[in-house]
Amino acid sequence: MEKQNILELIEQKKYIQLKKELSEMNEVDISEIIEPLDLPTTLLVFRMLSKGIAAEVFSYFSAEQQADIMNTITDKELKFILDELFFDDMIDLIEEMPANVVNKILINSTQEERVLINQFLKYPAQSAGSIMTIEYVELKKNMSVKEALEHIKEIGLNKETIYTCYVTDKKRKLEGIVSLRNLVVSEFEQSINDIMLEEVIYVETHDDQEIIANIFKKYGFMALPVVDKEHRLTGIITFDDIMDVMEEEATEDFQRMAAMVPSDEAYLDSSVITLAKQRIPWLMILMIGATVTGGIIKKFEDILSTVVVLTAFIPMLMDTGGNSGNQSSTLIIRGLATGEVVLKDIWRVLWKEFRISLLVGISLATVNFAKNMLLDRLELMVSLTVSLTVIIAVILAKIFGGTLPLIAKKLKLDPAIMAGPLITTIVDALTLLVYFGIASAILIK
């Protein structure tokens, strides 16, 4: 209802009331309301916001909307927005902007900011350095609690978080951390050295963001310090930044599992040609892989012509094998993503999947054998051939589905590529080889 009310005020040009309503709203809600509007209307509403709220709302816009606004507003307005943005948000902004907008940002940045921006942009993509911020509170261990609190009051408003403060020496090496809670409940005369925690969990600037996400999930941190090779504190990664990373990683895994080339661009914002390009490569590989299945069927045409009824079971057997492999690969890929499964667990996974596949395979084969004998009235040896194939196909599918993602991880590949489409293609070929092998041994004399 609030959204409808704002849109009505815009349409009726009741700007005084509109400005009052906007001043009482959350920045996220404001961005969601005005982002879909046309650019002139968006700018009109955007300029009604107080400077502090405008900068916050701007940080929630899409990259395209941010670029449009920066190309339209004055340098003075842009400079204020950049001054109000946290440093990591500014880096994210620069990474997604076209060259002309980047130049405008750099022109309106201070010399110190330009040096830091260049430093951040040199970190590898998807590394700790590329997602960290320098907006943190730094303390010295010889400070008293009173001095530390006064320091936080002085600079805290300009920092992304004050709940955890970082203790460094003269060379900025990380020595410990102290929480705001400990500072508040401690005596003013106590020194930071007495209350700080020296055992600090940290990451290095070149650590992969997926590793960092797992650390956040494991320990439930709100922020994590980032150090360089000399153990000097270079920045922190906050929980909101890692949430974005987790979303990106999950999206990328889903795209790979669907046999697509990963992309950061939103679906509705992507052109038809772009989406087609993302899908064609893997579909082409899988299509070529599927020709192997056709070749196997062609090779055993003599068996099919001799026992024609075998043809009817090919789709069922291939689907059963593919579905079994997908179940295992999905669980292992998820386990790798959450850290529940690691590379050294490959033999445990192999043994567990083998036992599961025996139970599943025998259960499915028993039901299939009963159906073939009692309902379909097939010959005993045909029913036995199909049922044995079910057992072996399920065992192979679950073993391959469980271990291939781990092998991919070992080879420094994304385990998500060993998902549905690829597993299905591999298992289909194996299932047919097993099927015709058993049929040749039992039915062909």
Protein backbone atom coordinates (compact mmCIF):
# COMPACT_ATOMS: atom_id res chain seq x y z
CA MET A 1 0.00 0.00 0.00
CA GLU A 2 2.90 2.32 0.78
CA LYS A 3 4.28 1.81 -2.71
CA GLN A 4 0.93 2.63 -4.30
CA ASN A 5 0.63 5.73 -2.16
CA ILE A 6 4.07 6.99 -3.26
CA LEU A 7 3.28 6.36 -6.93
CA GLU A 8 0.00 8.26 -6.58
CA LEU A 9 1.77 11.21 -5.00
CA ILE A 10 4.26 11.26 -7.89
CA GLU A 11 1.46 11.10 -10.45
CA GLN A 12 -0.54 13.84 -8.71
CA LYS A 13 2.63 15.97 -8.34
CA LYS A 14 2.13 16.40 -4.60
CA TYR A 15 5.83 16.91 -4.05
CA ILE A 16 5.75 18.41 -0.54
CA GLN A 17 3.81 15.44 0.82
CA LEU A 18 5.96 13.07 -1.27
CA LYS A 19 9.16 14.45 0.25
CA LYS A 20 7.74 13.99 3.75
CA GLU A 21 6.68 10.40 3.06
CA LEU A 22 10.07 9.50 1.57
CA SER A 23 11.95 10.89 4.57
CA GLU A 24 10.17 8.35 6.80
CA MET A 25 10.80 5.31 4.59
CA ASN A 26 13.54 2.71 4.54
CA GLU A 27 16.21 3.22 1.85
CA VAL A 28 15.72 -0.28 0.39
CA ASP A 29 11.98 0.31 -0.03
CA ILE A 30 12.60 3.67 -1.70
CA SER A 31 15.01 2.14 -4.22
CA GLU A 32 12.52 -0.62 -5.09
CA ILE A 33 9.78 1.93 -5.70
CA ILE A 34 11.64 4.44 -7.87
CA GLU A 35 14.04 2.17 -9.80
CA PRO A 36 11.37 0.94 -12.29
CA LEU A 37 10.34 4.55 -13.10
CA ASP A 38 11.59 6.36 -16.17
CA LEU A 39 14.85 8.28 -15.73
CA PRO A 40 13.41 11.84 -15.51
CA THR A 41 10.92 10.76 -12.82
CA THR A 42 13.60 8.79 -10.96
CA LEU A 43 15.87 11.84 -10.92
CA LEU A 44 13.02 14.06 -9.77
CA VAL A 45 12.28 11.79 -6.80
CA PHE A 46 15.98 11.10 -6.15
CA ARG A 47 16.72 14.81 -5.78
CA MET A 48 13.94 15.14 -3.19
CA LEU A 49 15.80 12.83 -0.83
CA SER A 50 18.12 14.16 1.84
CA LYS A 51 21.78 13.75 0.92
CA GLY A 52 22.43 10.92 3.37
CA ILE A 53 19.35 8.94 2.29
CA ALA A 54 20.10 9.59 -1.40
CA ALA A 55 23.54 7.98 -1.10
CA GLU A 56 22.05 4.93 0.64
CA VAL A 57 19.28 4.58 -1.96
CA PHE A 58 21.85 4.93 -4.75
CA SER A 59 23.85 1.97 -3.39
CA TYR A 60 20.80 -0.30 -3.82
CA PHE A 61 20.17 0.60 -7.47
CA SER A 62 21.18 -1.75 -10.28
CA ALA A 63 24.43 -0.99 -12.13
CA GLU A 64 22.48 0.25 -15.17
CA GLN A 65 20.40 2.64 -13.07
CA GLN A 66 23.50 3.92 -11.26
CA ALA A 67 25.23 4.59 -14.59
CA ASP A 68 22.18 6.49 -15.91
CA ILE A 69 22.01 8.65 -12.79
CA MET A 70 25.75 9.40 -12.76
CA ASN A 71 25.63 10.43 -16.40
CA THR A 72 22.85 12.90 -15.58
CA ILE A 73 23.58 14.44 -12.17
CA THR A 74 26.07 17.24 -11.60
CA ASP A 75 29.65 16.66 -10.46
CA LYS A 76 28.78 18.24 -7.11
CA GLU A 77 25.94 15.76 -6.56
CA LEU A 78 28.12 12.86 -7.65
CA LYS A 79 30.95 13.90 -5.32
CA PHE A 80 28.60 13.91 -2.35
CA ILE A 81 27.29 10.42 -3.19
CA LEU A 82 30.84 9.09 -3.54
CA ASP A 83 31.82 10.69 -0.22
CA GLU A 84 28.87 8.99 1.49
CA LEU A 85 29.38 5.53 -0.05
CA PHE A 86 31.42 2.99 1.88
CA PHE A 87 34.68 2.23 0.11
CA ASP A 88 33.78 -1.36 -0.87
CA ASP A 89 30.52 -0.11 -2.43
CA MET A 90 32.56 2.40 -4.47
CA ILE A 91 34.84 -0.41 -5.70
CA ASP A 92 31.83 -2.52 -6.69
CA LEU A 93 30.44 0.51 -8.50
CA ILE A 94 33.64 1.10 -10.48
CA GLU A 95 33.95 -2.57 -11.47
CA GLU A 96 30.55 -2.55 -13.15
CA MET A 97 30.56 0.88 -14.78
CA PRO A 98 31.50 1.73 -18.39
CA ALA A 99 34.75 3.62 -18.97
CA ASN A 100 33.19 7.10 -19.29
CA VAL A 101 31.41 6.73 -15.95
CA VAL A 102 34.55 5.36 -14.27
CA ASN A 103 36.47 8.42 -15.43
CA LYS A 104 33.78 10.66 -13.93
CA ILE A 105 34.05 8.81 -10.61
CA LEU A 106 37.85 9.05 -10.54
CA ILE A 107 37.77 12.77 -11.34
CA ASN A 108 35.52 13.32 -8.34
CA SER A 109 37.66 11.18 -6.00
CA THR A 110 40.55 12.38 -3.88
CA GLN A 111 44.14 11.46 -4.71
CA GLU A 112 44.23 9.11 -1.71
CA GLU A 113 41.03 7.42 -2.85
CA ARG A 114 42.38 6.99 -6.39
CA VAL A 115 45.50 5.25 -5.05
CA LEU A 116 43.37 2.90 -2.96
CA ILE A 117 40.96 2.23 -5.84
CA ASN A 118 43.83 1.22 -8.11
CA GLN A 119 45.18 -1.05 -5.37
CA PHE A 120 41.82 -2.77 -4.89
CA LEU A 121 41.22 -3.22 -8.61
CA LYS A 122 44.51 -5.12 -8.93
CA TYR A 123 43.34 -7.91 -6.64
CA PRO A 124 42.21 -11.04 -8.50
CA ALA A 125 38.49 -11.28 -9.17
CA GLN A 126 36.62 -13.30 -6.53
CA SER A 127 39.45 -12.90 -4.01
CA ALA A 128 39.27 -11.53 -0.47
CA GLY A 129 41.06 -8.37 -1.60
CA SER A 130 38.44 -7.63 -4.24
CA ILE A 131 35.50 -7.70 -1.79
CA MET A 132 37.03 -6.23 1.39
CA THR A 133 36.49 -2.72 2.73
CA ILE A 134 38.87 -0.36 4.53
CA GLU A 135 36.08 1.11 6.65
CA TYR A 136 36.98 -0.48 10.00
CA VAL A 137 38.03 0.68 13.48
CA GLU A 138 41.70 0.24 14.31
CA LEU A 139 42.98 0.34 17.89
CA LYS A 140 46.38 0.07 19.61
CA LYS A 141 46.94 -2.31 22.51
CA ASN A 142 48.41 0.39 24.75
CA MET A 143 45.17 2.38 24.60
CA SER A 144 42.89 2.42 27.62
CA VAL A 145 39.27 1.39 27.24
CA LYS A 146 38.24 5.03 27.73
CA GLU A 147 40.57 6.18 24.92
CA ALA A 148 39.29 3.42 22.66
CA LEU A 149 35.64 4.39 23.22
CA GLU A 150 36.42 8.04 22.56
CA HIS A 151 38.23 7.02 19.37
CA ILE A 152 35.20 4.99 18.23
CA LYS A 153 32.85 7.91 18.96
CA GLU A 154 35.08 10.17 16.88
CA ILE A 155 35.37 8.01 13.76
CA GLY A 156 32.62 5.39 14.14
CA LEU A 157 30.01 7.07 11.93
CA ASN A 158 32.33 6.78 8.94
CA LYS A 159 33.03 3.07 9.44
CA GLU A 160 31.04 0.17 8.06
CA THR A 161 31.04 -1.64 11.40
CA ILE A 162 32.15 -0.80 14.94
CA TYR A 163 31.03 -3.99 16.66
CA THR A 164 34.44 -5.57 16.20
CA CYS A 165 37.60 -3.46 16.47
CA TYR A 166 41.03 -4.56 15.27
CA VAL A 167 44.23 -4.16 17.26
CA THR A 168 47.39 -3.50 15.25
CA ASP A 169 51.01 -2.62 16.01
CA LYS A 170 53.07 0.25 14.57
CA LYS A 171 53.60 -1.68 11.33
CA ARG A 172 49.84 -2.38 11.12
CA LYS A 173 50.30 -6.09 11.80
CA LEU A 174 47.16 -7.66 13.21
CA GLU A 175 47.62 -8.46 16.90
CA GLY A 176 44.09 -9.14 18.08
CA ILE A 177 40.46 -8.10 18.12
CA VAL A 178 38.15 -6.63 20.73
CA SER A 179 34.36 -6.45 20.58
CA LEU A 180 32.36 -3.36 21.35
CA ARG A 181 30.55 -5.40 24.01
CA ASN A 182 33.82 -6.03 25.88
CA LEU A 183 34.74 -2.36 25.63
CA VAL A 184 31.41 -1.22 27.04
CA VAL A 185 31.45 -3.60 30.04
CA SER A 186 35.15 -3.11 30.88
CA GLU A 187 36.58 -0.55 33.30
CA PHE A 188 37.80 2.69 31.70
CA GLU A 189 41.29 2.23 33.17
CA GLN A 190 41.86 -1.21 31.64
CA SER A 191 44.13 -1.42 28.62
CA ILE A 192 43.14 -2.93 25.28
CA ASN A 193 45.99 -5.41 25.74
CA ASP A 194 44.18 -6.87 28.78
CA ILE A 195 40.84 -7.48 27.09
CA MET A 196 41.70 -8.18 23.45
CA LEU A 197 41.44 -11.65 21.92
CA GLU A 198 44.75 -12.70 20.39
CA GLU A 199 43.57 -15.88 18.64
CA VAL A 200 42.10 -14.29 15.53
CA ILE A 201 40.62 -16.09 12.53
CA TYR A 202 41.54 -14.19 9.39
CA VAL A 203 41.93 -14.60 5.62
CA GLU A 204 44.60 -13.40 3.22
CA THR A 205 44.01 -10.98 0.36
CA HIS A 206 44.29 -13.66 -2.35
CA ASP A 207 42.06 -16.28 -0.69
CA ASP A 208 39.10 -17.33 -2.82
CA GLN A 209 35.72 -15.88 -1.88
CA GLU A 210 34.14 -19.36 -1.70
CA ILE A 211 36.58 -20.28 1.11
CA ILE A 212 35.68 -17.03 2.89
CA ALA A 213 31.96 -17.76 2.57
CA ASN A 214 32.50 -21.15 4.22
CA ILE A 215 34.34 -19.48 7.13
CA PHE A 216 31.45 -17.07 7.66
CA LYS A 217 28.95 -19.95 7.61
CA LYS A 218 31.05 -22.04 9.99
CA TYR A 219 31.67 -19.38 12.64
CA GLY A 220 28.72 -17.02 12.15
CA PHE A 221 30.95 -13.93 11.95
CA MET A 222 29.65 -10.43 11.27
CA ALA A 223 33.06 -9.38 9.93
CA LEU A 224 36.38 -11.03 9.09
CA PRO A 225 39.84 -9.37 8.95
CA VAL A 226 41.93 -9.58 5.77
CA VAL A 227 45.74 -9.54 5.98
CA ASP A 228 48.54 -9.53 3.42
CA LYS A 229 51.49 -11.94 3.29
CA GLU A 230 53.28 -9.93 5.99
CA HIS A 231 50.22 -10.28 8.26
CA ARG A 232 49.42 -6.58 7.96
CA LEU A 233 45.76 -5.68 8.26
CA THR A 234 44.55 -4.47 4.85
CA GLY A 235 40.78 -4.54 5.29
CA ILE A 236 37.75 -6.44 6.53
CA ILE A 237 34.95 -8.38 4.85
CA THR A 238 31.51 -7.75 6.29
CA PHE A 239 28.52 -10.08 6.43
CA ASP A 240 26.48 -8.14 3.86
CA ASP A 241 29.29 -8.43 1.32
CA ILE A 242 29.66 -12.18 1.83
CA MET A 243 25.88 -12.60 1.45
CA ASP A 244 26.24 -11.17 -2.06
CA VAL A 245 29.09 -13.61 -2.70
CA MET A 246 27.00 -16.57 -1.50
CA GLU A 247 24.20 -15.55 -3.84
CA GLU A 248 26.65 -15.25 -6.76
CA GLU A 249 28.19 -18.66 -5.99
CA ALA A 250 24.78 -20.32 -5.70
CA THR A 251 23.61 -18.75 -8.97
CA GLU A 252 26.80 -19.85 -10.72
CA ASP A 253 26.40 -23.41 -9.44
CA PHE A 254 22.78 -23.56 -10.61
CA GLN A 255 23.82 -22.35 -14.06
CA ARG A 256 26.63 -24.89 -14.33
CA MET A 257 24.35 -27.68 -13.09
CA ALA A 258 21.92 -26.75 -15.87
CA ALA A 259 24.75 -27.00 -18.43
CA MET A 260 25.04 -23.25 -19.01
CA VAL A 261 27.96 -20.83 -19.11
CA PRO A 262 27.72 -18.73 -15.88
CA SER A 263 26.74 -15.09 -16.21
CA ASP A 264 26.28 -12.22 -13.72
CA GLU A 265 23.69 -10.51 -15.90
CA ALA A 266 20.04 -10.73 -14.85
CA TYR A 267 17.84 -12.98 -17.00
CA LEU A 268 15.40 -10.26 -18.13
CA ASP A 269 18.26 -7.84 -18.83
CA SER A 270 20.10 -10.36 -21.04
CA SER A 271 19.52 -10.38 -24.78
CA VAL A 272 18.27 -13.48 -26.58
CA ILE A 273 21.62 -13.81 -28.38
CA THR A 274 23.56 -13.62 -25.10
CA LEU A 275 21.40 -16.28 -23.47
CA ALA A 276 21.72 -18.51 -26.53
CA LYS A 277 25.53 -18.17 -26.45
CA GLN A 278 25.55 -19.22 -22.81
CA ARG A 279 23.57 -22.38 -23.55
CA ILE A 280 24.91 -23.57 -26.89
CA PRO A 281 28.46 -24.71 -25.89
CA TRP A 282 27.41 -27.26 -23.27
CA LEU A 283 24.39 -28.39 -25.28
CA MET A 284 26.71 -28.99 -28.21
CA ILE A 285 29.07 -31.05 -26.04
CA LEU A 286 26.18 -33.05 -24.58
CA MET A 287 24.66 -33.60 -28.02
CA ILE A 288 27.96 -34.97 -29.31
CA GLY A 289 28.23 -37.10 -26.17
CA ALA A 290 24.75 -38.47 -26.81
CA THR A 291 25.90 -39.78 -30.20
CA VAL A 292 27.95 -42.31 -28.24
CA THR A 293 24.67 -43.68 -26.88
CA GLY A 294 23.32 -43.94 -30.41
CA GLY A 295 26.48 -45.73 -31.50
CA ILE A 296 26.10 -48.32 -28.73
CA ILE A 297 22.50 -49.05 -29.74
CA LYS A 298 23.56 -49.37 -33.37
CA LYS A 299 26.38 -51.75 -32.44
CA PHE A 300 23.94 -54.10 -30.72
CA GLU A 301 21.21 -54.00 -33.35
CA ASP A 302 21.52 -57.77 -33.81
CA ILE A 303 20.53 -58.39 -30.18
CA LEU A 304 17.58 -56.00 -30.46
CA SER A 305 16.41 -57.65 -33.67
CA THR A 306 16.64 -61.08 -32.02
CA VAL A 307 14.87 -60.09 -28.78
CA VAL A 308 12.73 -57.13 -29.85
CA VAL A 309 11.12 -56.71 -26.42
CA LEU A 310 14.46 -55.44 -25.04
CA THR A 311 13.91 -52.16 -26.92
CA ALA A 312 10.94 -51.30 -24.72
CA PHE A 313 13.10 -51.17 -21.60
CA ILE A 314 15.84 -48.84 -22.91
CA PRO A 315 14.12 -45.56 -21.86
CA MET A 316 13.31 -46.90 -18.38
CA LEU A 317 16.84 -48.14 -17.77
CA MET A 318 18.46 -44.93 -19.00
CA ASP A 319 16.12 -42.77 -16.91
CA THR A 320 16.69 -44.89 -13.79
CA GLY A 321 20.45 -44.68 -14.18
CA GLY A 322 20.42 -40.94 -14.92
CA ASN A 323 18.10 -40.14 -12.00
CA SER A 324 20.20 -42.25 -9.61
CA GLY A 325 23.38 -40.46 -10.66
CA ASN A 326 21.73 -37.05 -10.35
CA GLN A 327 20.64 -37.77 -6.78
CA SER A 328 24.19 -38.58 -5.70
CA SER A 329 25.91 -35.78 -7.62
CA THR A 330 23.47 -33.17 -6.29
CA LEU A 331 24.10 -34.18 -2.67
CA ILE A 332 27.90 -34.23 -3.10
CA ILE A 333 27.99 -30.91 -4.98
CA ARG A 334 25.91 -29.39 -2.19
CA GLY A 335 28.19 -30.96 0.42
CA LEU A 336 31.28 -29.50 -1.27
CA ALA A 337 29.65 -26.06 -1.44
CA THR A 338 28.77 -26.05 2.27
CA GLY A 339 32.04 -27.65 3.42
CA GLU A 340 30.30 -30.79 4.74
CA VAL A 341 32.27 -32.89 2.23
CA VAL A 342 35.99 -32.42 1.44
CA LEU A 343 38.38 -34.07 -1.00
CA LYS A 344 39.79 -36.52 1.53
CA ASP A 345 36.26 -37.95 1.98
CA ILE A 346 36.27 -39.55 -1.49
CA TRP A 347 36.71 -43.12 -0.19
CA ARG A 348 34.03 -42.63 2.45
CA VAL A 349 31.70 -41.27 -0.24
CA LEU A 350 32.53 -44.22 -2.52
CA TRP A 351 31.80 -46.78 0.20
CA LYS A 352 28.59 -45.06 1.32
CA GLU A 353 27.25 -44.65 -2.23
CA PHE A 354 28.04 -48.29 -2.99
CA ARG A 355 25.98 -49.49 0.00
CA ILE A 356 23.13 -47.08 -0.83
CA SER A 357 23.13 -48.18 -4.47
CA LEU A 358 22.92 -51.86 -3.46
CA LEU A 359 19.81 -51.22 -1.37
CA VAL A 360 18.22 -48.96 -3.99
CA GLY A 361 19.16 -51.19 -6.93
CA ILE A 362 17.86 -54.40 -5.33
CA SER A 363 14.60 -52.68 -4.30
CA LEU A 364 13.97 -51.30 -7.79
CA ALA A 365 15.00 -54.54 -9.47
CA THR A 366 12.69 -56.61 -7.25
CA VAL A 367 9.67 -54.46 -8.10
CA ASN A 368 10.63 -54.47 -11.78
CA PHE A 369 11.07 -58.27 -11.84
CA ALA A 370 7.67 -58.83 -10.20
CA LYS A 371 5.98 -56.47 -12.67
CA ASN A 372 7.61 -58.13 -15.69
CA MET A 373 6.69 -61.62 -14.56
CA LEU A 374 3.20 -61.05 -13.14
CA LEU A 375 1.80 -58.19 -15.21
CA ASP A 376 3.76 -58.16 -18.47
CA ARG A 377 4.08 -61.99 -18.60
CA LEU A 378 7.62 -61.82 -19.95
CA GLU A 379 10.00 -64.72 -20.14
CA LEU A 380 12.06 -65.40 -17.03
CA MET A 381 15.40 -64.69 -18.70
CA VAL A 382 14.21 -61.38 -20.17
CA SER A 383 12.91 -60.24 -16.78
CA LEU A 384 16.18 -61.34 -15.18
CA THR A 385 18.21 -59.41 -17.79
CA VAL A 386 16.32 -56.18 -17.19
CA SER A 387 16.41 -56.53 -13.38
CA LEU A 388 20.13 -57.29 -13.25
CA THR A 389 20.75 -54.25 -15.45
CA VAL A 390 18.76 -52.09 -13.03
CA ILE A 391 20.96 -53.20 -10.11
CA ILE A 392 24.27 -52.66 -11.91
CA ALA A 393 23.15 -49.40 -13.56
CA VAL A 394 22.10 -47.92 -10.21
CA ILE A 395 25.41 -48.97 -8.59
CA LEU A 396 27.48 -47.44 -11.39
CA ALA A 397 25.34 -44.30 -11.54
CA LYS A 398 25.57 -43.59 -7.81
CA ILE A 399 29.30 -44.29 -7.67
CA PHE A 400 29.97 -42.01 -10.63
CA GLY A 401 27.51 -39.38 -9.40
CA GLY A 402 29.14 -39.35 -5.96
CA THR A 403 32.79 -39.33 -7.01
CA LEU A 404 32.93 -37.27 -10.23
CA PRO A 405 32.25 -33.93 -8.42
CA LEU A 406 35.11 -34.76 -6.02
CA ILE A 407 37.41 -35.60 -8.93
CA ALA A 408 36.44 -32.29 -10.58
CA LYS A 409 37.31 -30.46 -7.36
CA LYS A 410 40.67 -32.24 -7.24
CA LEU A 411 41.36 -31.10 -10.81
CA LYS A 412 40.57 -27.48 -9.82
CA LEU A 413 37.31 -27.55 -11.80
CA ASP A 414 33.90 -26.44 -10.56
CA PRO A 415 32.15 -29.56 -9.14
CA ALA A 416 28.83 -28.17 -10.41
CA ILE A 417 29.75 -29.14 -13.98
CA MET A 418 29.41 -32.78 -12.88
CA ALA A 419 25.67 -32.33 -12.47
CA GLY A 420 22.49 -33.53 -14.15
CA PRO A 421 23.15 -33.21 -17.88
CA LEU A 422 26.75 -34.48 -17.87
CA ILE A 423 26.14 -37.29 -15.36
CA THR A 424 23.07 -38.39 -17.35
CA THR A 425 25.06 -38.52 -20.60
CA ILE A 426 27.82 -40.63 -19.02
CA VAL A 427 25.44 -42.96 -17.18
CA ASP A 428 23.25 -43.49 -20.26
CA ALA A 429 26.20 -44.90 -22.18
CA LEU A 430 27.29 -47.11 -19.25
CA THR A 431 23.73 -48.39 -18.73
CA LEU A 432 23.39 -49.45 -22.36
CA LEU A 433 26.77 -51.21 -22.31
CA VAL A 434 25.73 -53.14 -19.18
CA TYR A 435 22.27 -53.92 -20.63
CA PHE A 436 23.51 -55.31 -23.90
CA GLY A 437 26.41 -57.08 -22.20
CA ILE A 438 24.02 -58.96 -19.88
CA ALA A 439 21.59 -59.63 -22.73
CA SER A 440 24.41 -61.07 -24.85
CA ALA A 441 25.46 -63.39 -22.00
CA ILE A 442 21.99 -64.56 -20.99
CA LEU A 443 19.75 -64.37 -24.04
CA ILE A 444 21.99 -64.92 -27.05
CA LYS A 445 23.18 -68.47 -27.46
